[in-house]
Amino acid sequence: MNAIKKAAGFIWLILGPASIIALLYRAIHEFSTLPAEKLQEARVFWIVIILIFIPIALGFTIFGWYAIKGEYDRVGA
């Protein structure tokens, strides 16, 4: 079970920063393709989404780091 926890931790450690990069890439791509009339609305939308999602993704990364280090190997306190 501990090997599964460490493997899942590695996956979370990779997915956290990768999801932030993908989100930023998607936002920049959308900014470059939208017409000027809809750009302000899209900026507000993406700023809100990015500000909410970055702490969540950082939490995933921290969770993965602790899983790799073995902090979740013990059951109970």
N, C-alpha and C. Protein backbone atom coordinates (compact mmCIF):
# COMPACT_ATOMS: atom_id res chain seq x y z
N MET A 1 0.82 -1.19 0.00
CA MET A 1 0.00 0.00 0.00
C MET A 1 0.87 1.26 0.00
N ASN A 2 2.01 1.19 0.70
CA ASN A 2 2.88 2.36 0.74
C ASN A 2 3.47 2.67 -0.64
N ALA A 3 3.71 1.63 -1.43
CA ALA A 3 4.22 1.86 -2.79
C ALA A 3 3.18 2.57 -3.65
N ILE A 4 1.92 2.22 -3.46
CA ILE A 4 0.84 2.89 -4.19
C ILE A 4 0.75 4.34 -3.77
N LYS A 5 0.89 4.62 -2.47
CA LYS A 5 0.85 6.00 -1.99
C LYS A 5 1.99 6.82 -2.56
N LYS A 6 3.17 6.22 -2.64
CA LYS A 6 4.32 6.96 -3.19
C LYS A 6 4.16 7.18 -4.69
N ALA A 7 3.61 6.20 -5.41
CA ALA A 7 3.37 6.37 -6.84
C ALA A 7 2.32 7.45 -7.08
N ALA A 8 1.27 7.45 -6.28
CA ALA A 8 0.24 8.48 -6.41
C ALA A 8 0.83 9.85 -6.05
N GLY A 9 1.71 9.89 -5.07
CA GLY A 9 2.38 11.15 -4.71
C GLY A 9 3.20 11.69 -5.85
N PHE A 10 3.89 10.81 -6.56
CA PHE A 10 4.67 11.24 -7.72
C PHE A 10 3.76 11.82 -8.80
N ILE A 11 2.62 11.17 -9.00
CA ILE A 11 1.67 11.66 -10.00
C ILE A 11 1.16 13.04 -9.61
N TRP A 12 0.79 13.23 -8.33
CA TRP A 12 0.32 14.55 -7.87
C TRP A 12 1.42 15.59 -7.97
N LEU A 13 2.63 15.19 -7.69
CA LEU A 13 3.76 16.13 -7.75
C LEU A 13 3.98 16.62 -9.18
N ILE A 14 3.74 15.78 -10.15
CA ILE A 14 3.88 16.18 -11.55
C ILE A 14 2.64 16.94 -12.04
N LEU A 15 1.45 16.50 -11.64
CA LEU A 15 0.22 17.11 -12.15
C LEU A 15 -0.02 18.53 -11.62
N GLY A 16 0.47 18.85 -10.44
CA GLY A 16 0.27 20.20 -9.90
C GLY A 16 0.85 21.28 -10.79
N PRO A 17 2.17 21.30 -10.99
CA PRO A 17 2.76 22.32 -11.87
C PRO A 17 2.32 22.19 -13.33
N ALA A 18 2.11 20.96 -13.80
CA ALA A 18 1.69 20.77 -15.19
C ALA A 18 0.31 21.38 -15.43
N SER A 19 -0.57 21.26 -14.46
CA SER A 19 -1.90 21.83 -14.64
C SER A 19 -1.87 23.36 -14.61
N ILE A 20 -0.99 23.93 -13.79
CA ILE A 20 -0.84 25.39 -13.78
C ILE A 20 -0.33 25.87 -15.14
N ILE A 21 0.67 25.19 -15.67
CA ILE A 21 1.24 25.57 -16.96
C ILE A 21 0.18 25.43 -18.06
N ALA A 22 -0.59 24.34 -18.04
CA ALA A 22 -1.63 24.13 -19.05
C ALA A 22 -2.71 25.20 -18.95
N LEU A 23 -3.08 25.56 -17.75
CA LEU A 23 -4.10 26.59 -17.54
C LEU A 23 -3.63 27.94 -18.06
N LEU A 24 -2.40 28.30 -17.75
CA LEU A 24 -1.85 29.57 -18.23
C LEU A 24 -1.72 29.57 -19.75
N TYR A 25 -1.29 28.45 -20.32
CA TYR A 25 -1.18 28.34 -21.78
C TYR A 25 -2.55 28.53 -22.43
N ARG A 26 -3.57 27.89 -21.88
CA ARG A 26 -4.92 28.00 -22.44
C ARG A 26 -5.43 29.44 -22.35
N ALA A 27 -5.17 30.11 -21.23
CA ALA A 27 -5.62 31.49 -21.08
C ALA A 27 -4.93 32.40 -22.09
N ILE A 28 -3.63 32.25 -22.24
CA ILE A 28 -2.88 33.08 -23.19
C ILE A 28 -3.36 32.81 -24.62
N HIS A 29 -3.60 31.56 -24.93
CA HIS A 29 -4.09 31.20 -26.26
C HIS A 29 -5.46 31.85 -26.53
N GLU A 30 -6.33 31.81 -25.52
CA GLU A 30 -7.65 32.41 -25.70
C GLU A 30 -7.56 33.92 -25.83
N PHE A 31 -6.66 34.56 -25.09
CA PHE A 31 -6.49 36.01 -25.21
C PHE A 31 -6.05 36.40 -26.62
N SER A 32 -5.22 35.59 -27.23
CA SER A 32 -4.70 35.94 -28.56
C SER A 32 -5.71 35.67 -29.68
N THR A 33 -6.73 34.86 -29.44
CA THR A 33 -7.67 34.53 -30.50
C THR A 33 -9.01 35.26 -30.39
N LEU A 34 -9.29 35.89 -29.27
CA LEU A 34 -10.58 36.56 -29.11
C LEU A 34 -10.59 37.93 -29.78
N PRO A 35 -11.76 38.35 -30.24
CA PRO A 35 -11.86 39.72 -30.76
C PRO A 35 -11.80 40.72 -29.60
N ALA A 36 -11.52 41.95 -29.93
CA ALA A 36 -11.32 42.98 -28.91
C ALA A 36 -12.56 43.21 -28.06
N GLU A 37 -13.75 42.97 -28.60
CA GLU A 37 -14.98 43.21 -27.85
C GLU A 37 -15.14 42.25 -26.67
N LYS A 38 -14.65 41.06 -26.80
CA LYS A 38 -14.83 40.05 -25.75
C LYS A 38 -13.59 39.84 -24.91
N LEU A 39 -12.56 40.60 -25.15
CA LEU A 39 -11.29 40.39 -24.45
C LEU A 39 -11.39 40.73 -22.97
N GLN A 40 -12.06 41.82 -22.62
CA GLN A 40 -12.16 42.23 -21.22
C GLN A 40 -12.92 41.19 -20.40
N GLU A 41 -14.00 40.67 -20.94
CA GLU A 41 -14.77 39.64 -20.24
C GLU A 41 -13.94 38.37 -20.04
N ALA A 42 -13.18 38.00 -21.04
CA ALA A 42 -12.34 36.81 -20.93
C ALA A 42 -11.23 37.02 -19.91
N ARG A 43 -10.66 38.21 -19.87
CA ARG A 43 -9.60 38.48 -18.88
C ARG A 43 -10.12 38.34 -17.46
N VAL A 44 -11.28 38.90 -17.20
CA VAL A 44 -11.87 38.79 -15.85
C VAL A 44 -12.11 37.32 -15.51
N PHE A 45 -12.68 36.58 -16.44
CA PHE A 45 -12.95 35.17 -16.22
C PHE A 45 -11.67 34.41 -15.90
N TRP A 46 -10.63 34.57 -16.72
CA TRP A 46 -9.41 33.80 -16.53
C TRP A 46 -8.64 34.23 -15.29
N ILE A 47 -8.68 35.50 -14.94
CA ILE A 47 -8.01 35.94 -13.71
C ILE A 47 -8.65 35.28 -12.50
N VAL A 48 -9.98 35.23 -12.48
CA VAL A 48 -10.67 34.58 -11.36
C VAL A 48 -10.34 33.09 -11.31
N ILE A 49 -10.40 32.42 -12.45
CA ILE A 49 -10.11 30.99 -12.50
C ILE A 49 -8.68 30.71 -12.05
N ILE A 50 -7.73 31.49 -12.54
CA ILE A 50 -6.33 31.27 -12.20
C ILE A 50 -6.07 31.53 -10.72
N LEU A 51 -6.66 32.59 -10.19
CA LEU A 51 -6.44 32.89 -8.76
C LEU A 51 -7.05 31.84 -7.85
N ILE A 52 -8.10 31.19 -8.28
CA ILE A 52 -8.69 30.12 -7.48
C ILE A 52 -7.92 28.81 -7.64
N PHE A 53 -7.47 28.52 -8.86
CA PHE A 53 -6.90 27.22 -9.13
C PHE A 53 -5.45 27.07 -8.71
N ILE A 54 -4.66 28.14 -8.73
CA ILE A 54 -3.24 28.02 -8.39
C ILE A 54 -3.02 27.51 -6.96
N PRO A 55 -3.73 28.03 -5.94
CA PRO A 55 -3.52 27.44 -4.60
C PRO A 55 -3.93 25.97 -4.52
N ILE A 56 -4.96 25.59 -5.26
CA ILE A 56 -5.37 24.18 -5.27
C ILE A 56 -4.27 23.32 -5.88
N ALA A 57 -3.71 23.75 -6.99
CA ALA A 57 -2.64 23.00 -7.65
C ALA A 57 -1.39 22.95 -6.77
N LEU A 58 -1.09 24.03 -6.08
CA LEU A 58 0.06 24.01 -5.15
C LEU A 58 -0.19 23.04 -4.01
N GLY A 59 -1.43 22.95 -3.56
CA GLY A 59 -1.78 21.96 -2.53
C GLY A 59 -1.59 20.54 -3.02
N PHE A 60 -1.94 20.28 -4.28
CA PHE A 60 -1.69 18.96 -4.88
C PHE A 60 -0.20 18.65 -4.87
N THR A 61 0.60 19.64 -5.21
CA THR A 61 2.05 19.44 -5.27
C THR A 61 2.61 19.15 -3.88
N ILE A 62 2.17 19.89 -2.89
CA ILE A 62 2.63 19.66 -1.52
C ILE A 62 2.19 18.28 -1.04
N PHE A 63 0.96 17.90 -1.33
CA PHE A 63 0.46 16.58 -0.98
C PHE A 63 1.31 15.49 -1.61
N GLY A 64 1.67 15.66 -2.87
CA GLY A 64 2.52 14.69 -3.55
C GLY A 64 3.90 14.60 -2.94
N TRP A 65 4.46 15.74 -2.56
CA TRP A 65 5.78 15.77 -1.94
C TRP A 65 5.78 14.99 -0.62
N TYR A 66 4.76 15.23 0.20
CA TYR A 66 4.67 14.52 1.47
C TYR A 66 4.44 13.03 1.26
N ALA A 67 3.68 12.66 0.23
CA ALA A 67 3.46 11.24 -0.04
C ALA A 67 4.75 10.56 -0.47
N ILE A 68 5.56 11.24 -1.27
CA ILE A 68 6.84 10.66 -1.70
C ILE A 68 7.78 10.52 -0.51
N LYS A 69 7.78 11.50 0.38
CA LYS A 69 8.65 11.45 1.56
C LYS A 69 8.21 10.36 2.55
N GLY A 70 6.99 9.86 2.43
CA GLY A 70 6.54 8.80 3.33
C GLY A 70 5.78 9.29 4.53
N GLU A 71 5.29 10.52 4.51
CA GLU A 71 4.57 11.06 5.65
C GLU A 71 3.23 10.37 5.87
N TYR A 72 2.69 9.73 4.84
CA TYR A 72 1.39 9.07 4.95
C TYR A 72 1.53 7.57 5.12
N ASP A 73 2.73 7.09 5.45
CA ASP A 73 2.92 5.66 5.63
C ASP A 73 2.28 5.14 6.92
N ARG A 74 2.23 5.98 7.93
CA ARG A 74 1.65 5.56 9.21
C ARG A 74 0.14 5.73 9.17
N VAL A 75 -0.59 4.77 9.73
CA VAL A 75 -2.03 4.87 9.84
C VAL A 75 -2.34 5.27 11.27
N GLY A 76 -3.06 6.36 11.45
CA GLY A 76 -3.37 6.86 12.80
C GLY A 76 -2.24 7.70 13.32
N ALA A 77 -2.42 8.19 14.55
CA ALA A 77 -1.41 9.10 15.12
C ALA A 77 -0.60 8.48 16.21
